[in-house]
Amino acid sequence: MANILLDGLYHIVNQSDTQIDIELSDAFHPVFKAHFENNPLLPGFLQLDIIADILKKEIDTISNAKFMKPILPKMQISYVISETKRGERIKIVDSKSGTLSDFRVTWKRI
C-alpha cells in the first residue's frame, strides 16, 4: 500500500543488503511542517514506514522499539539491518549521534 506521506520525504544515497543510507528532505516537507511546526522531527511510525517502503515489504509485528534521539530534516541516516531469531533488527544511525532508533520487525509473508 502506497504511503503518500513518504512522497519526497527521502532519497536513497546508497544501498546494500545490510545497510541503506538515505537523506531526508528539508523542513518544508509536509511531514516536518506538521510534526512539529517549530521543532520538526521525523515521527517514529515513519521511521518504520520508510524502511518498509524501501524494502517493498509490509510490517507484521514490531517489538523492542526504542526511539532514542530525534531525527531531523536534512539528516543523512543509515538503516542497518541484521537477522535475528525472531525477525530483523533495524538500527537507525548517523555519523554524528550514533544510534537514533533501534527496533525489531517481522515482515508479512506474501
N, C-alpha and C. Protein backbone atom coordinates (compact mmCIF):
# COMPACT_ATOMS: atom_id res chain seq x y z
N MET A 1 0.85 -1.17 0.00
CA MET A 1 0.00 0.00 0.00
C MET A 1 0.90 1.25 0.00
N ALA A 2 0.61 2.16 -0.89
CA ALA A 2 1.41 3.38 -1.00
C ALA A 2 1.11 4.32 0.16
N ASN A 3 2.15 4.98 0.63
CA ASN A 3 2.02 5.93 1.72
C ASN A 3 2.37 7.31 1.18
N ILE A 4 1.36 8.16 0.99
CA ILE A 4 1.60 9.47 0.39
C ILE A 4 2.47 10.37 1.27
N LEU A 5 2.54 10.08 2.56
CA LEU A 5 3.40 10.86 3.44
C LEU A 5 4.88 10.69 3.07
N LEU A 6 5.22 9.59 2.41
CA LEU A 6 6.61 9.33 2.06
C LEU A 6 7.05 10.04 0.78
N ASP A 7 6.09 10.54 -0.01
CA ASP A 7 6.43 11.21 -1.28
C ASP A 7 7.36 12.39 -1.04
N GLY A 8 8.57 12.28 -1.57
CA GLY A 8 9.54 13.36 -1.45
C GLY A 8 10.17 13.50 -0.08
N LEU A 9 9.89 12.59 0.84
CA LEU A 9 10.41 12.70 2.20
C LEU A 9 11.88 12.31 2.29
N TYR A 10 12.32 11.40 1.44
CA TYR A 10 13.71 10.93 1.50
C TYR A 10 14.18 10.52 0.11
N HIS A 11 15.48 10.42 -0.02
CA HIS A 11 16.04 9.77 -1.21
C HIS A 11 17.19 8.87 -0.77
N ILE A 12 17.34 7.77 -1.49
CA ILE A 12 18.37 6.79 -1.17
C ILE A 12 19.71 7.27 -1.69
N VAL A 13 20.71 7.27 -0.81
CA VAL A 13 22.07 7.67 -1.16
C VAL A 13 22.90 6.44 -1.55
N ASN A 14 22.72 5.36 -0.78
CA ASN A 14 23.48 4.13 -1.01
C ASN A 14 22.67 2.97 -0.43
N GLN A 15 22.78 1.79 -1.06
CA GLN A 15 22.02 0.65 -0.58
C GLN A 15 22.80 -0.64 -0.78
N SER A 16 22.84 -1.45 0.28
CA SER A 16 23.40 -2.80 0.20
C SER A 16 22.42 -3.74 0.90
N ASP A 17 22.78 -5.00 1.04
CA ASP A 17 21.89 -5.95 1.71
C ASP A 17 21.73 -5.66 3.20
N THR A 18 22.72 -5.03 3.81
CA THR A 18 22.69 -4.83 5.26
C THR A 18 22.63 -3.36 5.69
N GLN A 19 22.73 -2.43 4.75
CA GLN A 19 22.68 -1.02 5.12
C GLN A 19 22.08 -0.19 4.00
N ILE A 20 21.20 0.72 4.39
CA ILE A 20 20.59 1.65 3.44
C ILE A 20 20.79 3.05 3.98
N ASP A 21 21.46 3.89 3.20
CA ASP A 21 21.72 5.27 3.58
C ASP A 21 20.73 6.17 2.84
N ILE A 22 20.07 7.04 3.59
CA ILE A 22 19.12 7.97 2.98
C ILE A 22 19.40 9.38 3.46
N GLU A 23 18.92 10.33 2.70
CA GLU A 23 18.91 11.73 3.14
C GLU A 23 17.47 12.19 3.17
N LEU A 24 17.10 12.83 4.27
CA LEU A 24 15.74 13.33 4.43
C LEU A 24 15.58 14.69 3.76
N SER A 25 14.35 15.01 3.43
CA SER A 25 14.04 16.30 2.82
C SER A 25 14.22 17.42 3.85
N ASP A 26 14.03 18.63 3.39
CA ASP A 26 14.16 19.78 4.30
C ASP A 26 12.88 19.96 5.12
N ALA A 27 12.90 20.93 5.98
CA ALA A 27 11.80 21.16 6.93
C ALA A 27 10.51 21.63 6.25
N PHE A 28 10.55 21.89 4.95
CA PHE A 28 9.34 22.32 4.24
C PHE A 28 8.45 21.16 3.81
N HIS A 29 8.94 19.92 3.95
CA HIS A 29 8.11 18.76 3.63
C HIS A 29 6.91 18.76 4.59
N PRO A 30 5.71 18.40 4.11
CA PRO A 30 4.51 18.42 4.96
C PRO A 30 4.64 17.63 6.26
N VAL A 31 5.39 16.53 6.26
CA VAL A 31 5.57 15.75 7.49
C VAL A 31 6.25 16.59 8.55
N PHE A 32 7.30 17.29 8.17
CA PHE A 32 8.05 18.10 9.13
C PHE A 32 7.26 19.35 9.54
N LYS A 33 6.46 19.88 8.63
CA LYS A 33 5.66 21.06 8.98
C LYS A 33 4.57 20.69 9.99
N ALA A 34 4.10 19.45 9.94
CA ALA A 34 3.03 19.03 10.84
C ALA A 34 3.56 18.47 12.16
N HIS A 35 4.82 18.06 12.18
CA HIS A 35 5.35 17.33 13.35
C HIS A 35 6.76 17.81 13.68
N PHE A 36 7.03 18.79 14.28
CA PHE A 36 6.17 19.83 14.84
C PHE A 36 6.56 21.16 14.19
N GLU A 37 5.66 22.08 14.13
CA GLU A 37 5.86 23.30 13.35
C GLU A 37 7.16 24.03 13.69
N ASN A 38 7.44 24.25 14.94
CA ASN A 38 8.65 24.99 15.31
C ASN A 38 9.80 24.10 15.77
N ASN A 39 9.58 22.81 15.75
CA ASN A 39 10.60 21.85 16.16
C ASN A 39 10.42 20.57 15.34
N PRO A 40 10.69 20.63 14.02
CA PRO A 40 10.38 19.50 13.15
C PRO A 40 11.24 18.27 13.44
N LEU A 41 10.58 17.11 13.46
CA LEU A 41 11.31 15.85 13.59
C LEU A 41 10.52 14.75 12.90
N LEU A 42 11.22 13.66 12.58
CA LEU A 42 10.60 12.54 11.88
C LEU A 42 9.85 11.67 12.87
N PRO A 43 8.53 11.50 12.69
CA PRO A 43 7.75 10.67 13.60
C PRO A 43 8.24 9.22 13.59
N GLY A 44 8.11 8.56 14.72
CA GLY A 44 8.55 7.18 14.84
C GLY A 44 7.91 6.25 13.83
N PHE A 45 6.60 6.40 13.60
CA PHE A 45 5.94 5.48 12.67
C PHE A 45 6.49 5.62 11.26
N LEU A 46 6.95 6.82 10.88
CA LEU A 46 7.51 6.99 9.55
C LEU A 46 8.93 6.43 9.46
N GLN A 47 9.63 6.39 10.57
CA GLN A 47 10.95 5.74 10.57
C GLN A 47 10.78 4.28 10.13
N LEU A 48 9.70 3.65 10.59
CA LEU A 48 9.39 2.27 10.22
C LEU A 48 8.85 2.18 8.80
N ASP A 49 7.97 3.10 8.44
CA ASP A 49 7.38 3.08 7.09
C ASP A 49 8.43 3.27 6.01
N ILE A 50 9.45 4.08 6.27
CA ILE A 50 10.49 4.31 5.26
C ILE A 50 11.19 3.02 4.91
N ILE A 51 11.62 2.25 5.91
CA ILE A 51 12.35 1.01 5.61
C ILE A 51 11.43 -0.01 4.94
N ALA A 52 10.18 -0.06 5.35
CA ALA A 52 9.23 -0.97 4.69
C ALA A 52 9.05 -0.57 3.23
N ASP A 53 8.98 0.73 2.96
CA ASP A 53 8.82 1.23 1.60
C ASP A 53 10.04 0.88 0.75
N ILE A 54 11.22 1.10 1.28
CA ILE A 54 12.44 0.81 0.53
C ILE A 54 12.56 -0.68 0.22
N LEU A 55 12.26 -1.52 1.20
CA LEU A 55 12.39 -2.96 1.02
C LEU A 55 11.19 -3.58 0.32
N LYS A 56 10.16 -2.78 0.08
CA LYS A 56 8.91 -3.27 -0.55
C LYS A 56 8.31 -4.42 0.24
N LYS A 57 8.26 -4.23 1.56
CA LYS A 57 7.69 -5.23 2.46
C LYS A 57 6.64 -4.56 3.33
N GLU A 58 5.81 -5.40 3.95
CA GLU A 58 4.80 -4.90 4.86
C GLU A 58 5.09 -5.44 6.25
N ILE A 59 5.08 -4.56 7.23
CA ILE A 59 5.40 -4.94 8.61
C ILE A 59 4.27 -5.78 9.19
N ASP A 60 4.65 -6.89 9.84
CA ASP A 60 3.70 -7.73 10.55
C ASP A 60 3.70 -7.36 12.02
N THR A 61 4.89 -7.42 12.66
CA THR A 61 4.99 -7.06 14.08
C THR A 61 6.22 -6.19 14.31
N ILE A 62 6.13 -5.37 15.34
CA ILE A 62 7.23 -4.53 15.79
C ILE A 62 7.45 -4.85 17.26
N SER A 63 8.70 -5.06 17.62
CA SER A 63 8.99 -5.31 19.03
C SER A 63 10.26 -4.57 19.43
N ASN A 64 10.38 -4.34 20.71
CA ASN A 64 11.58 -3.69 21.26
C ASN A 64 11.91 -2.37 20.57
N ALA A 65 10.92 -1.58 20.26
CA ALA A 65 11.17 -0.31 19.58
C ALA A 65 11.69 0.73 20.57
N LYS A 66 12.80 1.33 20.22
CA LYS A 66 13.41 2.39 21.04
C LYS A 66 13.73 3.56 20.13
N PHE A 67 13.16 4.70 20.45
CA PHE A 67 13.41 5.93 19.71
C PHE A 67 14.21 6.83 20.65
N MET A 68 15.53 6.85 20.47
CA MET A 68 16.42 7.46 21.46
C MET A 68 16.78 8.91 21.21
N LYS A 69 16.93 9.29 19.96
CA LYS A 69 17.32 10.66 19.63
C LYS A 69 16.49 11.13 18.46
N PRO A 70 16.22 12.43 18.39
CA PRO A 70 15.39 12.94 17.29
C PRO A 70 16.09 12.82 15.94
N ILE A 71 15.27 12.57 14.92
CA ILE A 71 15.74 12.57 13.54
C ILE A 71 15.15 13.81 12.89
N LEU A 72 16.02 14.65 12.38
CA LEU A 72 15.64 15.99 11.92
C LEU A 72 15.70 16.11 10.40
N PRO A 73 15.08 17.16 9.86
CA PRO A 73 15.15 17.39 8.41
C PRO A 73 16.60 17.48 7.93
N LYS A 74 16.80 17.06 6.72
CA LYS A 74 18.10 17.12 6.02
C LYS A 74 19.16 16.17 6.59
N MET A 75 18.81 15.38 7.60
CA MET A 75 19.79 14.43 8.15
C MET A 75 20.05 13.32 7.14
N GLN A 76 21.28 12.87 7.15
CA GLN A 76 21.63 11.67 6.40
C GLN A 76 21.74 10.55 7.43
N ILE A 77 20.89 9.56 7.29
CA ILE A 77 20.83 8.48 8.27
C ILE A 77 21.01 7.14 7.56
N SER A 78 21.38 6.13 8.35
CA SER A 78 21.56 4.78 7.82
C SER A 78 20.66 3.81 8.56
N TYR A 79 20.01 2.96 7.80
CA TYR A 79 19.28 1.83 8.34
C TYR A 79 20.22 0.63 8.28
N VAL A 80 20.59 0.09 9.42
CA VAL A 80 21.49 -1.06 9.49
C VAL A 80 20.63 -2.26 9.86
N ILE A 81 20.64 -3.27 8.99
CA ILE A 81 19.73 -4.40 9.10
C ILE A 81 20.51 -5.67 9.43
N SER A 82 20.04 -6.40 10.44
CA SER A 82 20.66 -7.68 10.77
C SER A 82 19.57 -8.70 11.11
N GLU A 83 19.84 -9.95 10.79
CA GLU A 83 18.90 -11.04 11.08
C GLU A 83 18.95 -11.41 12.56
N THR A 84 17.80 -11.74 13.12
CA THR A 84 17.73 -12.28 14.48
C THR A 84 16.88 -13.55 14.42
N LYS A 85 16.77 -14.23 15.53
CA LYS A 85 15.95 -15.44 15.58
C LYS A 85 14.47 -15.12 15.39
N ARG A 86 14.08 -13.89 15.73
CA ARG A 86 12.67 -13.50 15.68
C ARG A 86 12.41 -12.37 14.68
N GLY A 87 13.10 -12.34 13.58
CA GLY A 87 12.87 -11.31 12.58
C GLY A 87 14.14 -10.57 12.24
N GLU A 88 14.00 -9.28 11.98
CA GLU A 88 15.16 -8.46 11.65
C GLU A 88 15.30 -7.33 12.66
N ARG A 89 16.51 -7.06 13.03
CA ARG A 89 16.82 -5.91 13.88
C ARG A 89 17.20 -4.77 12.94
N ILE A 90 16.63 -3.62 13.17
CA ILE A 90 16.93 -2.46 12.35
C ILE A 90 17.35 -1.33 13.28
N LYS A 91 18.56 -0.87 13.06
CA LYS A 91 19.07 0.27 13.81
C LYS A 91 19.16 1.45 12.85
N ILE A 92 18.74 2.60 13.32
CA ILE A 92 18.91 3.83 12.54
C ILE A 92 20.04 4.60 13.21
N VAL A 93 21.06 4.92 12.44
CA VAL A 93 22.24 5.58 12.98
C VAL A 93 22.61 6.76 12.09
N ASP A 94 23.38 7.67 12.66
CA ASP A 94 24.05 8.69 11.86
C ASP A 94 25.46 8.85 12.40
N SER A 95 26.32 9.44 11.60
CA SER A 95 27.74 9.51 11.94
C SER A 95 28.01 10.43 13.13
N LYS A 96 27.15 11.39 13.40
CA LYS A 96 27.39 12.34 14.49
C LYS A 96 26.81 11.87 15.82
N SER A 97 25.60 11.31 15.79
CA SER A 97 24.88 11.00 17.02
C SER A 97 24.88 9.53 17.40
N GLY A 98 25.36 8.67 16.53
CA GLY A 98 25.32 7.24 16.81
C GLY A 98 23.93 6.67 16.58
N THR A 99 23.48 5.79 17.46
CA THR A 99 22.18 5.14 17.29
C THR A 99 21.05 6.11 17.64
N LEU A 100 20.13 6.24 16.70
CA LEU A 100 18.98 7.12 16.87
C LEU A 100 17.73 6.33 17.26
N SER A 101 17.56 5.16 16.63
CA SER A 101 16.42 4.28 16.90
C SER A 101 16.89 2.85 16.73
N ASP A 102 16.15 1.94 17.36
CA ASP A 102 16.50 0.53 17.32
C ASP A 102 15.21 -0.26 17.50
N PHE A 103 14.92 -1.17 16.59
CA PHE A 103 13.70 -1.95 16.70
C PHE A 103 13.84 -3.28 15.97
N ARG A 104 12.95 -4.18 16.30
CA ARG A 104 12.88 -5.47 15.62
C ARG A 104 11.54 -5.56 14.92
N VAL A 105 11.57 -6.11 13.71
CA VAL A 105 10.35 -6.28 12.94
C VAL A 105 10.28 -7.68 12.36
N THR A 106 9.07 -8.13 12.15
CA THR A 106 8.84 -9.29 11.31
C THR A 106 7.98 -8.79 10.15
N TRP A 107 8.21 -9.37 9.00
CA TRP A 107 7.53 -8.95 7.78
C TRP A 107 6.38 -9.90 7.49
N LYS A 108 5.33 -9.36 6.92
CA LYS A 108 4.22 -10.21 6.48
C LYS A 108 4.69 -11.08 5.34
N ARG A 109 4.23 -12.31 5.37
CA ARG A 109 4.55 -13.24 4.28
C ARG A 109 3.56 -13.03 3.15
N ILE A 110 4.09 -13.02 1.96
CA ILE A 110 3.23 -12.78 0.78
C ILE A 110 2.92 -14.10 0.11
